[in-house]
Amino acid sequence: MGERTVPERRITDHWSTAVSRIRPGEILLRGYPVEQLIGKVSFAEQIWLMVRGELPTPVQGRLLEAALVAAVDHGPQAPSIAAARMAATCGVGLNSAVATGAGLLGDVHGGAGQQCMEVLARVVGGEDAREIVAEYRQRRAYVPGFGHRFHPRDPRRDPLLELVREAVAAGEVSGDALRAGEELEAALAEGRARPVPMNIDGATAIIYAELGFPAELGRGLFVLSRSVGILSHAWEESEGGARIKGPLPRPLLAGYHGPAERELPRRGADEVPAGE
């Protein structure tokens, strides 16, 4: 039998993409030559172009950039930052240190924004904010995107929401997610001496929802933003020269709550495991 020829298009379509076209001397990103984008669009606008396919309006680009800037870092007490710093002291290289930190951004640490977007969508879809809050309280769960273990009032909340209000007034976004967030915030405050204000996850969830990003992509954008802080801390730690830096300062040792020190019982020769 003769050799079977596979059509070239069938092979090249194996990795067919609408994101970029790369040929000798040519780089097209969503159809735009890269040389036309360089120096003309911001990084936030470029992110929008890459994930959405078209360039944002100036207001959309400003909102996206504000959300990305606001979430870049929250100090070495954040597990993702601490892990990246520890990794950097183990000599794994900057790329591995950043990957270590970013790899910790899951449902518990880093996922609240996506979860909040899903809750916002429920309110926008017609569900009552009070009933949703009651549902979370019944199962003793936190409403994602509200309250903060460190800040009485997250300093990032107000400037982000003010930008959303300006975009609503300009007719650039609907304001539906903003209203949903404020309804949830009001419902959480009912019957409490102290309110439970929105945190960075809630504020950025509103922005991403207003901009039309799917909830899962909202988490991806948070990871992209926080990776800047992870990179900064990993680089700083690597420059410090420390080696194998653990979670506790060297004079301190982790607590222990196992059995007290004890002697191994004597065993006869016939009780010695095989091979010893």
Protein backbone atom coordinates (compact mmCIF):
# COMPACT_ATOMS: atom_id res chain seq x y z
CA MET A 1 0.00 0.00 0.00
CA GLY A 2 1.19 3.51 -0.77
CA GLU A 3 1.80 6.15 1.88
CA ARG A 4 -1.27 8.02 3.03
CA THR A 5 -1.02 11.80 2.72
CA VAL A 6 -2.61 13.85 5.51
CA PRO A 7 -3.92 17.25 4.36
CA GLU A 8 -1.76 20.07 5.74
CA ARG A 9 -4.82 21.98 7.04
CA ARG A 10 -5.83 19.01 9.14
CA ILE A 11 -2.43 19.09 10.83
CA THR A 12 -2.22 22.85 11.32
CA ASP A 13 -5.78 23.02 12.69
CA HIS A 14 -4.70 20.78 15.56
CA TRP A 15 -3.70 23.98 17.40
CA SER A 16 -5.87 26.42 15.47
CA THR A 17 -6.43 29.62 17.44
CA ALA A 18 -8.10 33.00 17.09
CA VAL A 19 -5.72 34.56 19.61
CA SER A 20 -2.54 34.92 17.61
CA ARG A 21 -0.89 34.22 14.27
CA ILE A 22 2.86 33.77 14.24
CA ARG A 23 4.82 33.60 10.98
CA PRO A 24 8.37 34.54 10.04
CA GLY A 25 8.60 38.30 10.55
CA GLU A 26 4.94 38.54 11.65
CA ILE A 27 3.14 38.54 14.99
CA LEU A 28 -0.60 39.19 14.89
CA LEU A 29 -2.47 39.43 18.20
CA ARG A 30 -6.21 39.16 17.64
CA GLY A 31 -5.51 40.44 14.15
CA TYR A 32 -3.42 43.47 15.15
CA PRO A 33 0.27 43.57 14.19
CA VAL A 34 2.20 43.67 17.45
CA GLU A 35 4.27 46.61 16.26
CA GLN A 36 1.05 48.68 16.10
CA LEU A 37 0.12 47.77 19.66
CA ILE A 38 3.50 48.48 21.24
CA GLY A 39 3.46 51.91 22.84
CA LYS A 40 -0.15 52.48 21.80
CA VAL A 41 -2.20 50.36 24.23
CA SER A 42 -1.83 49.82 27.97
CA PHE A 43 -1.15 46.43 29.50
CA ALA A 44 -4.73 46.28 30.81
CA GLU A 45 -6.07 47.04 27.32
CA GLN A 46 -3.81 44.33 25.93
CA ILE A 47 -5.17 41.85 28.47
CA TRP A 48 -8.72 42.74 27.42
CA LEU A 49 -7.83 42.35 23.75
CA MET A 50 -6.24 38.95 24.29
CA VAL A 51 -9.06 37.43 26.35
CA ARG A 52 -12.04 39.21 24.74
CA GLY A 53 -10.94 39.59 21.12
CA GLU A 54 -11.48 43.33 20.77
CA LEU A 55 -10.00 46.45 22.33
CA PRO A 56 -11.95 47.96 25.26
CA THR A 57 -13.37 51.44 25.36
CA PRO A 58 -11.30 53.90 27.41
CA VAL A 59 -13.69 53.56 30.36
CA GLN A 60 -13.66 49.77 30.19
CA GLY A 61 -9.87 49.76 30.06
CA ARG A 62 -9.69 52.12 33.03
CA LEU A 63 -12.01 49.94 35.11
CA LEU A 64 -10.08 46.79 34.30
CA GLU A 65 -6.77 48.46 35.10
CA ALA A 66 -8.11 49.76 38.43
CA ALA A 67 -9.21 46.27 39.48
CA LEU A 68 -5.87 44.76 38.48
CA VAL A 69 -3.90 47.46 40.31
CA ALA A 70 -6.00 47.16 43.49
CA ALA A 71 -5.43 43.42 43.97
CA VAL A 72 -1.69 43.12 43.31
CA ASP A 73 -0.61 42.42 46.89
CA HIS A 74 -1.70 41.95 50.49
CA GLY A 75 1.58 41.38 52.27
CA PRO A 76 3.63 38.36 53.32
CA GLN A 77 0.92 37.16 55.69
CA ALA A 78 -1.03 36.03 52.60
CA PRO A 79 -0.28 32.31 52.03
CA SER A 80 0.53 32.76 48.35
CA ILE A 81 3.08 35.47 49.11
CA ALA A 82 4.61 33.60 52.05
CA ALA A 83 4.96 30.42 50.01
CA ALA A 84 6.65 32.28 47.17
CA ARG A 85 9.09 33.88 49.58
CA MET A 86 9.93 30.54 51.19
CA ALA A 87 10.39 28.97 47.77
CA ALA A 88 12.76 31.76 46.76
CA THR A 89 15.02 30.94 49.72
CA CYS A 90 15.28 27.33 48.54
CA GLY A 91 17.08 28.32 45.37
CA VAL A 92 14.37 27.08 43.00
CA GLY A 93 14.56 30.08 40.67
CA LEU A 94 12.22 33.01 40.26
CA ASN A 95 9.86 31.25 37.88
CA SER A 96 9.33 28.35 40.29
CA ALA A 97 8.90 30.71 43.25
CA VAL A 98 6.17 32.61 41.39
CA ALA A 99 4.52 29.37 40.31
CA THR A 100 4.58 28.16 43.93
CA GLY A 101 2.72 31.25 45.10
CA ALA A 102 0.25 31.35 42.23
CA GLY A 103 -0.47 27.65 42.73
CA LEU A 104 -1.96 28.41 46.15
CA LEU A 105 -4.66 30.66 44.71
CA GLY A 106 -7.59 28.25 44.92
CA ASP A 107 -11.13 28.22 46.28
CA VAL A 108 -10.20 29.31 49.82
CA HIS A 109 -7.36 31.74 49.10
CA GLY A 110 -8.03 33.57 45.86
CA GLY A 111 -11.41 32.17 44.83
CA ALA A 112 -13.76 34.56 46.65
CA GLY A 113 -13.95 36.93 43.69
CA GLN A 114 -15.24 34.24 41.36
CA GLN A 115 -17.64 33.00 44.05
CA CYS A 116 -18.89 36.56 44.62
CA MET A 117 -19.51 37.01 40.91
CA GLU A 118 -21.69 33.91 41.02
CA VAL A 119 -23.67 35.32 43.95
CA LEU A 120 -24.03 38.69 42.22
CA ALA A 121 -25.43 36.90 39.18
CA ARG A 122 -28.10 35.31 41.38
CA VAL A 123 -29.22 38.72 42.65
CA VAL A 124 -29.14 40.24 39.17
CA GLY A 125 -31.18 37.26 38.02
CA GLY A 126 -33.97 38.09 40.46
CA GLU A 127 -33.14 36.32 43.72
CA ASP A 128 -33.59 38.29 46.93
CA ALA A 129 -30.35 39.42 48.58
CA ARG A 130 -31.79 38.88 52.07
CA GLU A 131 -32.71 35.30 51.27
CA ILE A 132 -29.22 34.60 49.93
CA VAL A 133 -27.64 36.05 53.08
CA ALA A 134 -29.99 33.95 55.23
CA GLU A 135 -28.99 30.88 53.24
CA TYR A 136 -25.32 31.47 53.95
CA ARG A 137 -25.97 32.17 57.62
CA GLN A 138 -27.98 28.99 57.96
CA ARG A 139 -25.02 26.92 56.86
CA ARG A 140 -22.59 29.08 58.86
CA ALA A 141 -20.75 30.20 55.74
CA TYR A 142 -19.29 33.56 54.78
CA VAL A 143 -20.87 35.43 51.90
CA PRO A 144 -17.91 35.68 49.48
CA GLY A 145 -16.68 39.19 48.82
CA PHE A 146 -17.78 40.72 52.13
CA GLY A 147 -16.00 41.33 55.42
CA HIS A 148 -12.29 41.12 56.06
CA ARG A 149 -10.25 39.36 58.72
CA PHE A 150 -7.78 42.26 58.82
CA HIS A 151 -9.48 45.48 57.68
CA PRO A 152 -12.57 46.91 59.45
CA ARG A 153 -13.27 48.53 56.08
CA ASP A 154 -11.22 47.51 53.07
CA PRO A 155 -9.47 50.67 51.79
CA ARG A 156 -9.80 49.42 48.22
CA ARG A 157 -13.60 49.26 48.29
CA ASP A 158 -14.59 52.91 47.94
CA PRO A 159 -12.30 54.03 45.10
CA LEU A 160 -13.20 50.98 43.03
CA LEU A 161 -16.94 51.39 43.52
CA GLU A 162 -16.68 55.10 42.77
CA LEU A 163 -15.14 54.27 39.40
CA VAL A 164 -18.02 51.88 38.72
CA ARG A 165 -20.54 54.61 39.57
CA GLU A 166 -18.79 56.96 37.16
CA ALA A 167 -18.96 54.29 34.44
CA VAL A 168 -22.67 53.76 35.14
CA ALA A 169 -23.29 57.52 34.88
CA ALA A 170 -21.40 57.56 31.57
CA GLY A 171 -23.58 54.73 30.24
CA GLU A 172 -20.58 52.42 29.86
CA VAL A 173 -21.86 49.69 32.20
CA SER A 174 -25.33 48.74 33.37
CA GLY A 175 -24.88 49.08 37.12
CA ASP A 176 -26.72 45.79 37.74
CA ALA A 177 -23.82 44.12 39.52
CA LEU A 178 -23.17 47.26 41.55
CA ARG A 179 -26.78 47.35 42.75
CA ALA A 180 -26.62 43.63 43.56
CA GLY A 181 -23.48 44.12 45.61
CA GLU A 182 -24.96 47.02 47.53
CA GLU A 183 -28.12 45.01 48.23
CA LEU A 184 -26.04 42.15 49.61
CA GLU A 185 -24.01 44.58 51.71
CA ALA A 186 -27.20 46.11 53.13
CA ALA A 187 -28.68 42.69 53.86
CA LEU A 188 -25.51 41.65 55.71
CA ALA A 189 -25.69 44.82 57.84
CA GLU A 190 -29.27 44.19 59.01
CA GLY A 191 -29.49 43.25 62.67
CA ARG A 192 -25.81 43.89 63.30
CA ALA A 193 -24.17 46.61 65.37
CA ARG A 194 -21.27 46.69 62.93
CA PRO A 195 -21.69 46.42 59.14
CA VAL A 196 -19.96 43.84 56.96
CA PRO A 197 -18.59 45.98 54.14
CA MET A 198 -17.47 44.72 50.79
CA ASN A 199 -13.83 43.68 50.46
CA ILE A 200 -11.45 43.64 47.50
CA ASP A 201 -12.96 40.42 46.19
CA GLY A 202 -16.44 41.92 46.22
CA ALA A 203 -15.38 45.21 44.64
CA THR A 204 -13.40 43.58 41.85
CA ALA A 205 -16.16 41.01 41.35
CA ILE A 206 -18.53 43.91 40.67
CA ILE A 207 -16.10 45.42 38.16
CA TYR A 208 -15.50 42.15 36.34
CA ALA A 209 -19.23 41.39 36.27
CA GLU A 210 -20.06 44.89 35.02
CA LEU A 211 -17.46 44.44 32.29
CA GLY A 212 -19.05 41.17 31.19
CA PHE A 213 -16.34 38.74 32.22
CA PRO A 214 -17.44 35.18 33.10
CA ALA A 215 -16.98 34.31 36.77
CA GLU A 216 -14.16 31.84 36.14
CA LEU A 217 -12.25 34.41 34.12
CA GLY A 218 -12.72 36.81 37.03
CA ARG A 219 -10.63 34.42 39.11
CA GLY A 220 -8.06 34.23 36.33
CA LEU A 221 -7.74 38.01 36.31
CA PHE A 222 -7.24 38.02 40.07
CA VAL A 223 -4.45 35.44 39.70
CA LEU A 224 -2.88 37.61 37.01
CA SER A 225 -3.04 40.66 39.28
CA ARG A 226 -1.77 38.94 42.45
CA SER A 227 1.10 37.41 40.50
CA VAL A 228 2.64 40.89 40.41
CA GLY A 229 2.85 40.93 44.21
CA ILE A 230 4.06 37.34 44.27
CA LEU A 231 6.83 38.22 41.82
CA SER A 232 7.83 41.31 43.83
CA HIS A 233 8.06 39.42 47.12
CA ALA A 234 9.86 36.46 45.58
CA TRP A 235 12.42 38.76 44.01
CA GLU A 236 12.91 40.73 47.24
CA GLU A 237 13.42 37.52 49.21
CA SER A 238 15.88 36.14 46.68
CA GLU A 239 17.88 39.36 46.94
CA GLY A 240 18.02 39.06 50.75
CA GLY A 241 20.28 36.03 50.68
CA ALA A 242 18.35 33.97 53.25
CA ARG A 243 18.46 30.20 52.84
CA ILE A 244 15.64 27.73 53.48
CA LYS A 245 13.44 30.23 55.29
CA GLY A 246 10.57 28.43 57.01
CA PRO A 247 7.17 29.71 58.12
CA LEU A 248 8.47 30.59 61.61
CA PRO A 249 11.51 32.67 62.64
CA ARG A 250 14.45 30.37 63.50
CA PRO A 251 14.27 30.88 67.31
CA LEU A 252 10.68 29.59 67.27
CA LEU A 253 9.60 26.01 66.75
CA ALA A 254 6.23 24.70 65.69
CA GLY A 255 3.93 23.56 68.47
CA TYR A 256 3.55 19.85 69.19
CA HIS A 257 0.51 18.06 70.59
CA GLY A 258 1.42 14.40 70.00
CA PRO A 259 2.43 11.81 72.60
CA ALA A 260 5.17 12.67 75.09
CA GLU A 261 8.63 11.25 74.41
CA ARG A 262 8.55 7.46 74.91
CA GLU A 263 10.80 4.43 74.59
CA LEU A 264 10.34 1.89 71.82
CA PRO A 265 9.30 -1.41 73.46
CA ARG A 266 11.89 -4.19 73.29
CA ARG A 267 11.20 -6.75 70.63
CA GLY A 268 12.47 -10.31 70.29
CA ALA A 269 14.58 -11.49 67.38
CA ASP A 270 11.55 -13.12 65.80
CA GLU A 271 9.77 -9.76 65.83
CA VAL A 272 12.39 -7.95 63.80
CA PRO A 273 10.90 -7.07 60.39
CA ALA A 274 12.16 -9.11 57.46
CA GLY A 275 15.18 -7.68 55.71
CA GLU A 276 16.65 -5.98 58.83
